[in-house]
């Protein structure tokens, strides 16, 4: 039986993501500039990140006023309902700044700390990915499923790099050692989309060090509901220390390799 609360949360997330995606797609100014920086001079925020988060939080306040919030651009509220929204209003900001198409709106709903609804809207792809805990993952009407697990040397692997110089240098060293062992590596620039690409069978696996809750909450649920395993270091959940998503037969070998290479170090 469908949980009416989860149906309501999904409908709210889909509409909030649709509205924010349309704002970002149609409202991007030709002279878009950096509004501020965060962890480094290349970790940027634009006026559109801020506008999209304001749109989402206002919509949630109207429709789910008792819920908590955690947003990348500063939205935070404890809530009283046991539901918390985890929001990345623009995942892939540098891509968006440069006019590249790989960016998305990511919205997850957590119940008592567990992600139960995830939506990733990718307007320039014309795709919206969604999942409800226990209900599978979809893009539109198409049910998503991970690819059959390949051997490690046949793996198409996604990854990303942080914006702090010391971390980037270590991540580049890890990637250099991984490349000879896999089919190839892709760096798309949006963790949410990379996780959805694992779900859709467009990547065999994805890993990254340094993700925040809003980067992975929706995409990791979508990946799991499509049949992927997600986690971090051995025995740990996905976190800022390490996030890994892969088809089941690939997860453990790749996790072991990343542990040996110290992918979780800065």
C-alpha atoms as a PDB file:
ATOM      1  CA  UNK A   1       0.000   0.000   0.000  1.00  0.00           C
ATOM      2  CA  UNK A   2       1.289   3.448  -0.906  1.00  0.00           C
ATOM      3  CA  UNK A   3       2.077   5.678   2.053  1.00  0.00           C
ATOM      4  CA  UNK A   4      -0.035   8.853   1.594  1.00  0.00           C
ATOM      5  CA  UNK A   5       2.635  10.941   3.304  1.00  0.00           C
ATOM      6  CA  UNK A   6       5.322   9.793   0.879  1.00  0.00           C
ATOM      7  CA  UNK A   7       3.012  10.482  -2.054  1.00  0.00           C
ATOM      8  CA  UNK A   8       2.458  13.996  -0.737  1.00  0.00           C
ATOM      9  CA  UNK A   9       6.178  14.577  -0.173  1.00  0.00           C
ATOM     10  CA  UNK A  10       6.992  13.368  -3.684  1.00  0.00           C
ATOM     11  CA  UNK A  11       4.388  15.653  -5.241  1.00  0.00           C
ATOM     12  CA  UNK A  12       5.737  18.635  -3.285  1.00  0.00           C
ATOM     13  CA  UNK A  13       9.343  17.828  -4.212  1.00  0.00           C
ATOM     14  CA  UNK A  14       8.509  17.392  -7.890  1.00  0.00           C
ATOM     15  CA  UNK A  15       6.685  20.716  -8.089  1.00  0.00           C
ATOM     16  CA  UNK A  16       9.349  22.620  -6.145  1.00  0.00           C
ATOM     17  CA  UNK A  17      12.103  21.158  -8.326  1.00  0.00           C
ATOM     18  CA  UNK A  18      10.157  21.868 -11.513  1.00  0.00           C
ATOM     19  CA  UNK A  19       9.649  25.509 -10.568  1.00  0.00           C
ATOM     20  CA  UNK A  20      13.272  26.003  -9.541  1.00  0.00           C
ATOM     21  CA  UNK A  21      14.521  24.257 -12.690  1.00  0.00           C
ATOM     22  CA  UNK A  22      12.375  26.489 -14.873  1.00  0.00           C
ATOM     23  CA  UNK A  23      13.647  29.582 -13.079  1.00  0.00           C
ATOM     24  CA  UNK A  24      17.242  28.532 -13.590  1.00  0.00           C
ATOM     25  CA  UNK A  25      16.743  27.521 -17.223  1.00  0.00           C
ATOM     26  CA  UNK A  26      14.662  30.496 -18.323  1.00  0.00           C
ATOM     27  CA  UNK A  27      15.939  33.186 -15.964  1.00  0.00           C
ATOM     28  CA  UNK A  28      19.694  32.837 -16.419  1.00  0.00           C
ATOM     29  CA  UNK A  29      21.023  36.322 -17.241  1.00  0.00           C
ATOM     30  CA  UNK A  30      23.510  36.703 -20.070  1.00  0.00           C
ATOM     31  CA  UNK A  31      25.845  38.567 -17.712  1.00  0.00           C
ATOM     32  CA  UNK A  32      25.622  35.995 -14.904  1.00  0.00           C
ATOM     33  CA  UNK A  33      28.420  36.585 -12.424  1.00  0.00           C
ATOM     34  CA  UNK A  34      29.729  35.132  -9.184  1.00  0.00           C
ATOM     35  CA  UNK A  35      27.829  36.475  -6.163  1.00  0.00           C
ATOM     36  CA  UNK A  36      30.168  35.008  -3.521  1.00  0.00           C
ATOM     37  CA  UNK A  37      32.636  32.197  -2.896  1.00  0.00           C
ATOM     38  CA  UNK A  38      32.721  29.496  -0.225  1.00  0.00           C
ATOM     39  CA  UNK A  39      35.587  27.080   0.469  1.00  0.00           C
ATOM     40  CA  UNK A  40      37.943  28.692  -2.053  1.00  0.00           C
ATOM     41  CA  UNK A  41      38.040  31.318  -4.796  1.00  0.00           C
ATOM     42  CA  UNK A  42      36.806  28.743  -7.333  1.00  0.00           C
ATOM     43  CA  UNK A  43      33.948  27.397  -5.165  1.00  0.00           C
ATOM     44  CA  UNK A  44      31.325  29.828  -6.400  1.00  0.00           C
ATOM     45  CA  UNK A  45      27.740  30.858  -5.736  1.00  0.00           C
ATOM     46  CA  UNK A  46      25.707  32.828  -8.261  1.00  0.00           C
ATOM     47  CA  UNK A  47      22.670  35.025  -7.762  1.00  0.00           C
ATOM     48  CA  UNK A  48      20.648  32.220  -9.365  1.00  0.00           C
ATOM     49  CA  UNK A  49      21.681  29.669  -6.707  1.00  0.00           C
ATOM     50  CA  UNK A  50      20.313  32.049  -4.100  1.00  0.00           C
ATOM     51  CA  UNK A  51      17.135  32.808  -6.057  1.00  0.00           C
ATOM     52  CA  UNK A  52      16.411  29.110  -6.650  1.00  0.00           C
ATOM     53  CA  UNK A  53      16.855  28.237  -2.971  1.00  0.00           C
ATOM     54  CA  UNK A  54      14.543  31.094  -1.966  1.00  0.00           C
ATOM     55  CA  UNK A  55      11.915  29.819  -4.415  1.00  0.00           C
ATOM     56  CA  UNK A  56      12.144  26.266  -3.051  1.00  0.00           C
ATOM     57  CA  UNK A  57      12.098  27.229   0.615  1.00  0.00           C
ATOM     58  CA  UNK A  58       9.159  29.577   0.093  1.00  0.00           C
ATOM     59  CA  UNK A  59       7.230  26.825  -1.674  1.00  0.00           C
ATOM     60  CA  UNK A  60       7.994  24.347   1.113  1.00  0.00           C
ATOM     61  CA  UNK A  61       7.029  26.879   3.788  1.00  0.00           C
ATOM     62  CA  UNK A  62       3.669  27.296   2.072  1.00  0.00           C
ATOM     63  CA  UNK A  63       2.917  23.601   1.624  1.00  0.00           C
ATOM     64  CA  UNK A  64       4.824  21.935   4.506  1.00  0.00           C
ATOM     65  CA  UNK A  65       5.302  24.644   7.166  1.00  0.00           C
ATOM     66  CA  UNK A  66       6.116  22.260  10.030  1.00  0.00           C
ATOM     67  CA  UNK A  67       9.004  20.547   8.242  1.00  0.00           C
ATOM     68  CA  UNK A  68      12.707  21.172   8.778  1.00  0.00           C
ATOM     69  CA  UNK A  69      15.097  22.474   6.128  1.00  0.00           C
ATOM     70  CA  UNK A  70      18.763  22.110   5.228  1.00  0.00           C
ATOM     71  CA  UNK A  71      19.882  24.003   2.121  1.00  0.00           C
ATOM     72  CA  UNK A  72      23.256  24.544   0.506  1.00  0.00           C
ATOM     73  CA  UNK A  73      22.912  28.306   0.439  1.00  0.00           C
ATOM     74  CA  UNK A  74      22.071  28.671   4.109  1.00  0.00           C
ATOM     75  CA  UNK A  75      18.457  27.629   4.607  1.00  0.00           C
ATOM     76  CA  UNK A  76      18.156  25.862   7.963  1.00  0.00           C
ATOM     77  CA  UNK A  77      15.221  25.187  10.273  1.00  0.00           C
ATOM     78  CA  UNK A  78      14.655  22.364  12.768  1.00  0.00           C
ATOM     79  CA  UNK A  79      10.961  21.716  12.091  1.00  0.00           C
ATOM     80  CA  UNK A  80       8.539  19.789  14.302  1.00  0.00           C
ATOM     81  CA  UNK A  81       7.083  17.139  11.962  1.00  0.00           C
ATOM     82  CA  UNK A  82       9.952  14.651  11.767  1.00  0.00           C
ATOM     83  CA  UNK A  83      10.416  15.534   8.080  1.00  0.00           C
ATOM     84  CA  UNK A  84      13.468  17.460   6.900  1.00  0.00           C
ATOM     85  CA  UNK A  85      14.047  18.734   3.371  1.00  0.00           C
ATOM     86  CA  UNK A  86      17.640  18.605   2.101  1.00  0.00           C
ATOM     87  CA  UNK A  87      18.039  21.005  -0.803  1.00  0.00           C
ATOM     88  CA  UNK A  88      20.682  21.758  -3.385  1.00  0.00           C
ATOM     89  CA  UNK A  89      19.051  24.484  -5.477  1.00  0.00           C
ATOM     90  CA  UNK A  90      21.748  24.307  -8.173  1.00  0.00           C
ATOM     91  CA  UNK A  91      24.089  21.329  -8.224  1.00  0.00           C
ATOM     92  CA  UNK A  92      26.746  22.012 -10.819  1.00  0.00           C
ATOM     93  CA  UNK A  93      27.072  25.754 -10.315  1.00  0.00           C
ATOM     94  CA  UNK A  94      30.336  26.066 -12.256  1.00  0.00           C
ATOM     95  CA  UNK A  95      28.763  24.263 -15.221  1.00  0.00           C
ATOM     96  CA  UNK A  96      25.807  26.644 -14.996  1.00  0.00           C
ATOM     97  CA  UNK A  97      28.085  29.675 -14.763  1.00  0.00           C
ATOM     98  CA  UNK A  98      29.860  28.638 -17.962  1.00  0.00           C
ATOM     99  CA  UNK A  99      26.697  27.681 -19.840  1.00  0.00           C
ATOM    100  CA  UNK A 100      27.358  23.935 -19.734  1.00  0.00           C
ATOM    101  CA  UNK A 101      24.212  21.777 -19.525  1.00  0.00           C
ATOM    102  CA  UNK A 102      25.133  19.402 -16.684  1.00  0.00           C
ATOM    103  CA  UNK A 103      23.417  20.953 -13.677  1.00  0.00           C
ATOM    104  CA  UNK A 104      20.355  20.065 -11.644  1.00  0.00           C
ATOM    105  CA  UNK A 105      18.019  20.892  -8.796  1.00  0.00           C
ATOM    106  CA  UNK A 106      18.217  18.275  -6.035  1.00  0.00           C
ATOM    107  CA  UNK A 107      15.557  17.907  -3.336  1.00  0.00           C
ATOM    108  CA  UNK A 108      15.260  15.090  -0.796  1.00  0.00           C
ATOM    109  CA  UNK A 109      12.854  14.531   2.075  1.00  0.00           C
ATOM    110  CA  UNK A 110      14.135  12.719   5.134  1.00  0.00           C
ATOM    111  CA  UNK A 111      11.911  11.124   7.753  1.00  0.00           C
ATOM    112  CA  UNK A 112      13.608  10.677  11.117  1.00  0.00           C
ATOM    113  CA  UNK A 113      16.980  11.014   9.409  1.00  0.00           C
ATOM    114  CA  UNK A 114      16.363   8.570   6.532  1.00  0.00           C
ATOM    115  CA  UNK A 115      15.870   9.720   2.943  1.00  0.00           C
ATOM    116  CA  UNK A 116      12.399   8.641   1.841  1.00  0.00           C
ATOM    117  CA  UNK A 117      11.865  10.825  -1.251  1.00  0.00           C
ATOM    118  CA  UNK A 118      14.387  12.093  -3.780  1.00  0.00           C
ATOM    119  CA  UNK A 119      13.964  14.288  -6.861  1.00  0.00           C
ATOM    120  CA  UNK A 120      16.687  15.485  -9.216  1.00  0.00           C
ATOM    121  CA  UNK A 121      15.477  17.791 -11.978  1.00  0.00           C
ATOM    122  CA  UNK A 122      17.910  18.260 -14.883  1.00  0.00           C
ATOM    123  CA  UNK A 123      16.224  20.843 -17.145  1.00  0.00           C
ATOM    124  CA  UNK A 124      18.859  20.901 -19.901  1.00  0.00           C
ATOM    125  CA  UNK A 125      18.518  17.127 -20.240  1.00  0.00           C
ATOM    126  CA  UNK A 126      14.743  17.344 -20.172  1.00  0.00           C
ATOM    127  CA  UNK A 127      14.745  14.689 -17.445  1.00  0.00           C
ATOM    128  CA  UNK A 128      13.447  14.486 -13.895  1.00  0.00           C
ATOM    129  CA  UNK A 129      14.632  11.579 -11.779  1.00  0.00           C
ATOM    130  CA  UNK A 130      12.626  10.535  -8.745  1.00  0.00           C
ATOM    131  CA  UNK A 131      12.445   7.827  -6.125  1.00  0.00           C
ATOM    132  CA  UNK A 132      10.384   6.906  -3.085  1.00  0.00           C
ATOM    133  CA  UNK A 133      11.851   4.556  -0.501  1.00  0.00           C
ATOM    134  CA  UNK A 134      10.807   1.030  -1.442  1.00  0.00           C
ATOM    135  CA  UNK A 135       9.064   2.175  -4.625  1.00  0.00           C
ATOM    136  CA  UNK A 136      11.798   2.101  -7.260  1.00  0.00           C
ATOM    137  CA  UNK A 137      13.437   4.904  -9.227  1.00  0.00           C
ATOM    138  CA  UNK A 138      12.112   6.569 -12.364  1.00  0.00           C
ATOM    139  CA  UNK A 139      12.891   9.128 -15.027  1.00  0.00           C
ATOM    140  CA  UNK A 140       9.504  10.182 -16.301  1.00  0.00           C
ATOM    141  CA  UNK A 141       7.609   6.923 -16.881  1.00  0.00           C
ATOM    142  CA  UNK A 142      10.798   4.869 -17.344  1.00  0.00           C
ATOM    143  CA  UNK A 143      11.832   2.706 -14.428  1.00  0.00           C
ATOM    144  CA  UNK A 144      15.557   2.973 -13.820  1.00  0.00           C
ATOM    145  CA  UNK A 145      17.910   0.056 -13.287  1.00  0.00           C
ATOM    146  CA  UNK A 146      21.666  -0.141 -12.899  1.00  0.00           C
ATOM    147  CA  UNK A 147      23.722  -1.917 -15.516  1.00  0.00           C
ATOM    148  CA  UNK A 148      24.848  -5.500 -14.901  1.00  0.00           C
ATOM    149  CA  UNK A 149      28.071  -5.397 -12.896  1.00  0.00           C
ATOM    150  CA  UNK A 150      31.152  -5.410 -15.145  1.00  0.00           C
ATOM    151  CA  UNK A 151      34.669  -6.463 -14.262  1.00  0.00           C
ATOM    152  CA  UNK A 152      36.670  -3.622 -12.755  1.00  0.00           C
ATOM    153  CA  UNK A 153      38.710  -3.181 -15.935  1.00  0.00           C
ATOM    154  CA  UNK A 154      35.478  -2.710 -17.918  1.00  0.00           C
ATOM    155  CA  UNK A 155      34.017  -0.108 -15.565  1.00  0.00           C
ATOM    156  CA  UNK A 156      32.976   3.373 -16.681  1.00  0.00           C
ATOM    157  CA  UNK A 157      33.534   5.355 -13.516  1.00  0.00           C
ATOM    158  CA  UNK A 158      32.326   8.823 -12.578  1.00  0.00           C
ATOM    159  CA  UNK A 159      34.052  11.062 -10.059  1.00  0.00           C
ATOM    160  CA  UNK A 160      34.448  14.678  -9.009  1.00  0.00           C
ATOM    161  CA  UNK A 161      37.004  16.994  -7.459  1.00  0.00           C
ATOM    162  CA  UNK A 162      36.786  19.464  -4.602  1.00  0.00           C
ATOM    163  CA  UNK A 163      37.678  23.127  -4.688  1.00  0.00           C
ATOM    164  CA  UNK A 164      40.389  23.240  -2.031  1.00  0.00           C
ATOM    165  CA  UNK A 165      43.830  22.933  -3.637  1.00  0.00           C
ATOM    166  CA  UNK A 166      45.283  20.297  -1.305  1.00  0.00           C
ATOM    167  CA  UNK A 167      42.217  18.063  -1.678  1.00  0.00           C
ATOM    168  CA  UNK A 168      42.168  18.465  -5.457  1.00  0.00           C
ATOM    169  CA  UNK A 169      45.813  17.457  -5.684  1.00  0.00           C
ATOM    170  CA  UNK A 170      45.187  14.255  -3.732  1.00  0.00           C
ATOM    171  CA  UNK A 171      42.039  13.469  -5.706  1.00  0.00           C
ATOM    172  CA  UNK A 172      43.973  13.885  -8.948  1.00  0.00           C
ATOM    173  CA  UNK A 173      46.632  11.484  -7.665  1.00  0.00           C
ATOM    174  CA  UNK A 174      43.978   8.875  -6.807  1.00  0.00           C
ATOM    175  CA  UNK A 175      42.318   9.282 -10.217  1.00  0.00           C
ATOM    176  CA  UNK A 176      45.685   8.901 -11.956  1.00  0.00           C
ATOM    177  CA  UNK A 177      46.154   5.544 -10.249  1.00  0.00           C
ATOM    178  CA  UNK A 178      42.571   4.423 -10.925  1.00  0.00           C
ATOM    179  CA  UNK A 179      42.514   5.240 -14.662  1.00  0.00           C
ATOM    180  CA  UNK A 180      44.754   2.338 -15.792  1.00  0.00           C
ATOM    181  CA  UNK A 181      42.532  -0.118 -13.897  1.00  0.00           C
ATOM    182  CA  UNK A 182      39.138   0.809 -15.419  1.00  0.00           C
ATOM    183  CA  UNK A 183      37.584   1.360 -18.840  1.00  0.00           C
ATOM    184  CA  UNK A 184      37.587   5.148 -18.362  1.00  0.00           C
ATOM    185  CA  UNK A 185      36.684   7.970 -15.991  1.00  0.00           C
ATOM    186  CA  UNK A 186      34.117  10.727 -16.463  1.00  0.00           C
ATOM    187  CA  UNK A 187      33.927  13.997 -14.505  1.00  0.00           C
ATOM    188  CA  UNK A 188      30.530  15.597 -15.133  1.00  0.00           C
ATOM    189  CA  UNK A 189      30.530  18.315 -12.479  1.00  0.00           C
ATOM    190  CA  UNK A 190      27.225  17.474 -10.744  1.00  0.00           C
ATOM    191  CA  UNK A 191      27.183  14.815  -8.040  1.00  0.00           C
ATOM    192  CA  UNK A 192      23.382  14.588  -8.173  1.00  0.00           C
ATOM    193  CA  UNK A 193      23.432  13.843 -11.901  1.00  0.00           C
ATOM    194  CA  UNK A 194      26.343  11.405 -11.547  1.00  0.00           C
ATOM    195  CA  UNK A 195      24.352   9.417  -8.982  1.00  0.00           C
ATOM    196  CA  UNK A 196      21.324   9.440 -11.275  1.00  0.00           C
ATOM    197  CA  UNK A 197      23.522   8.292 -14.154  1.00  0.00           C
ATOM    198  CA  UNK A 198      24.483   5.258 -12.085  1.00  0.00           C
ATOM    199  CA  UNK A 199      20.770   4.645 -11.539  1.00  0.00           C
ATOM    200  CA  UNK A 200      20.066   5.002 -15.273  1.00  0.00           C
ATOM    201  CA  UNK A 201      22.921   2.714 -16.341  1.00  0.00           C
ATOM    202  CA  UNK A 202      24.926   5.539 -17.909  1.00  0.00           C
ATOM    203  CA  UNK A 203      27.761   4.992 -15.443  1.00  0.00           C
ATOM    204  CA  UNK A 204      28.754   1.733 -13.793  1.00  0.00           C
ATOM    205  CA  UNK A 205      29.860   3.495 -10.615  1.00  0.00           C
ATOM    206  CA  UNK A 206      30.637   6.872  -9.075  1.00  0.00           C
ATOM    207  CA  UNK A 207      32.797   7.977  -6.179  1.00  0.00           C
ATOM    208  CA  UNK A 208      33.781  11.284  -4.622  1.00  0.00           C
ATOM    209  CA  UNK A 209      35.371  12.686  -1.479  1.00  0.00           C
ATOM    210  CA  UNK A 210      33.979  15.820   0.139  1.00  0.00           C
ATOM    211  CA  UNK A 211      30.274  15.737  -0.683  1.00  0.00           C
ATOM    212  CA  UNK A 212      27.773  17.502   1.555  1.00  0.00           C
ATOM    213  CA  UNK A 213      24.355  16.109   2.561  1.00  0.00           C
ATOM    214  CA  UNK A 214      22.568  18.206  -0.070  1.00  0.00           C
ATOM    215  CA  UNK A 215      24.882  16.894  -2.804  1.00  0.00           C
ATOM    216  CA  UNK A 216      23.973  13.260  -2.262  1.00  0.00           C
ATOM    217  CA  UNK A 217      20.676  12.893  -0.357  1.00  0.00           C
ATOM    218  CA  UNK A 218      18.332  12.696  -3.363  1.00  0.00           C
ATOM    219  CA  UNK A 219      20.735  11.108  -5.849  1.00  0.00           C
ATOM    220  CA  UNK A 220      21.872   8.358  -3.487  1.00  0.00           C
ATOM    221  CA  UNK A 221      18.266   7.323  -2.809  1.00  0.00           C
ATOM    222  CA  UNK A 222      17.551   7.269  -6.547  1.00  0.00           C
ATOM    223  CA  UNK A 223      20.651   5.134  -7.144  1.00  0.00           C
ATOM    224  CA  UNK A 224      19.685   2.666  -4.395  1.00  0.00           C
ATOM    225  CA  UNK A 225      16.120   2.371  -5.632  1.00  0.00           C
ATOM    226  CA  UNK A 226      17.529   1.548  -9.089  1.00  0.00           C
ATOM    227  CA  UNK A 227      19.508  -1.337  -7.604  1.00  0.00           C
ATOM    228  CA  UNK A 228      22.837   0.284  -6.743  1.00  0.00           C
ATOM    229  CA  UNK A 229      24.667  -0.100  -3.478  1.00  0.00           C
ATOM    230  CA  UNK A 230      25.820   3.105  -1.814  1.00  0.00           C
ATOM    231  CA  UNK A 231      28.231   3.683   1.018  1.00  0.00           C
ATOM    232  CA  UNK A 232      31.501   5.213   2.074  1.00  0.00           C
ATOM    233  CA  UNK A 233      34.544   3.577   3.605  1.00  0.00           C
ATOM    234  CA  UNK A 234      34.064  -0.114   4.493  1.00  0.00           C
ATOM    235  CA  UNK A 235      31.217  -0.441   6.974  1.00  0.00           C
ATOM    236  CA  UNK A 236      30.306   3.238   6.747  1.00  0.00           C
ATOM    237  CA  UNK A 237      27.436   5.073   5.015  1.00  0.00           C
ATOM    238  CA  UNK A 238      28.007   7.548   2.228  1.00  0.00           C
ATOM    239  CA  UNK A 239      29.318  10.796   3.684  1.00  0.00           C
ATOM    240  CA  UNK A 240      31.666  13.681   3.138  1.00  0.00           C
ATOM    241  CA  UNK A 241      34.558  11.345   3.862  1.00  0.00           C
ATOM    242  CA  UNK A 242      33.702   9.171   0.854  1.00  0.00           C
ATOM    243  CA  UNK A 243      30.621   8.518  -1.266  1.00  0.00           C
ATOM    244  CA  UNK A 244      30.460   5.477  -3.531  1.00  0.00           C
ATOM    245  CA  UNK A 245      27.569   4.191  -5.648  1.00  0.00           C
ATOM    246  CA  UNK A 246      27.919   1.119  -7.833  1.00  0.00           C
ATOM    247  CA  UNK A 247      26.094  -1.898  -9.173  1.00  0.00           C
ATOM    248  CA  UNK A 248      26.122  -4.663  -6.554  1.00  0.00           C
ATOM    249  CA  UNK A 249      28.850  -6.871  -7.995  1.00  0.00           C
ATOM    250  CA  UNK A 250      31.155  -3.906  -8.489  1.00  0.00           C
ATOM    251  CA  UNK A 251      30.655  -2.142  -5.181  1.00  0.00           C
ATOM    252  CA  UNK A 252      32.964  -4.163  -2.961  1.00  0.00           C
ATOM    253  CA  UNK A 253      35.926  -4.433  -5.388  1.00  0.00           C
ATOM    254  CA  UNK A 254      35.783  -0.708  -6.066  1.00  0.00           C
ATOM    255  CA  UNK A 255      35.389   0.139  -2.392  1.00  0.00           C
ATOM    256  CA  UNK A 256      38.433  -2.014  -1.597  1.00  0.00           C
ATOM    257  CA  UNK A 257      40.472  -0.308  -4.313  1.00  0.00           C
ATOM    258  CA  UNK A 258      39.523   3.184  -3.130  1.00  0.00           C
ATOM    259  CA  UNK A 259      40.378   2.235   0.449  1.00  0.00           C
ATOM    260  CA  UNK A 260      43.799   0.952  -0.626  1.00  0.00           C
ATOM    261  CA  UNK A 261      44.437   4.146  -2.564  1.00  0.00           C
ATOM    262  CA  UNK A 262      43.365   6.352   0.346  1.00  0.00           C
ATOM    263  CA  UNK A 263      40.614   8.073  -1.623  1.00  0.00           C
ATOM    264  CA  UNK A 264      39.143   9.300   1.658  1.00  0.00           C
ATOM    265  CA  UNK A 265      42.273  11.340   2.534  1.00  0.00           C
ATOM    266  CA  UNK A 266      42.659  15.041   1.820  1.00  0.00           C
END
